[in-house]
Amino acid sequence: MSQLEKNRSDSVETKRTLIYIVDDDVLLSDLAEASLQPDGYDVKQFQDPELALKSFLHAQPKPDLLLTDYAMDKMNGLELIQKCKEIKPDLKAILISGTAGSEILLQASVRVDRFLGKPYQPAALLELARAVLAS
């Protein structure tokens, strides 16, 4: 490889996978971020779903995956997923909950790629994120 080719390849930015984590419990969003770090994902955390939605609207590029808790004060996770998918229909989404089971997806008006119950093992979240992003 010539020096010119090497410089060109060094200057090409590789797209890193961006994941939004939305959970009103700081410890749980920190755990989720730590769970995803082994794969080197770019992660943005939010405790407020409305702030997450506002960030999503302006994000360039848009996140590849939305990982959100179901039960939050201002907006539940399904509502957040629906609003984000109105902006980016191919957005991948994982809904996490310790208060509801996967049966809430049966009547959901939005498609969710996967459901994960709390508490979860960090390795399980990482494996699930990999699977959803690869699908």
Foldseek 3Di string as FASTA:
>chain_A
DDPVVVVVVVPDDDDAAEEEEEALDPVVSVLLVVLQPVVPHHYDYYNDLVVVLVCQVVDVVHHQEYEYEADDDPHGPLRSVVSSCVVVVNRAYEYEYQPDDPVVCVPRPHDHPYYYYPPDDSPVSNVVVVVRSVD
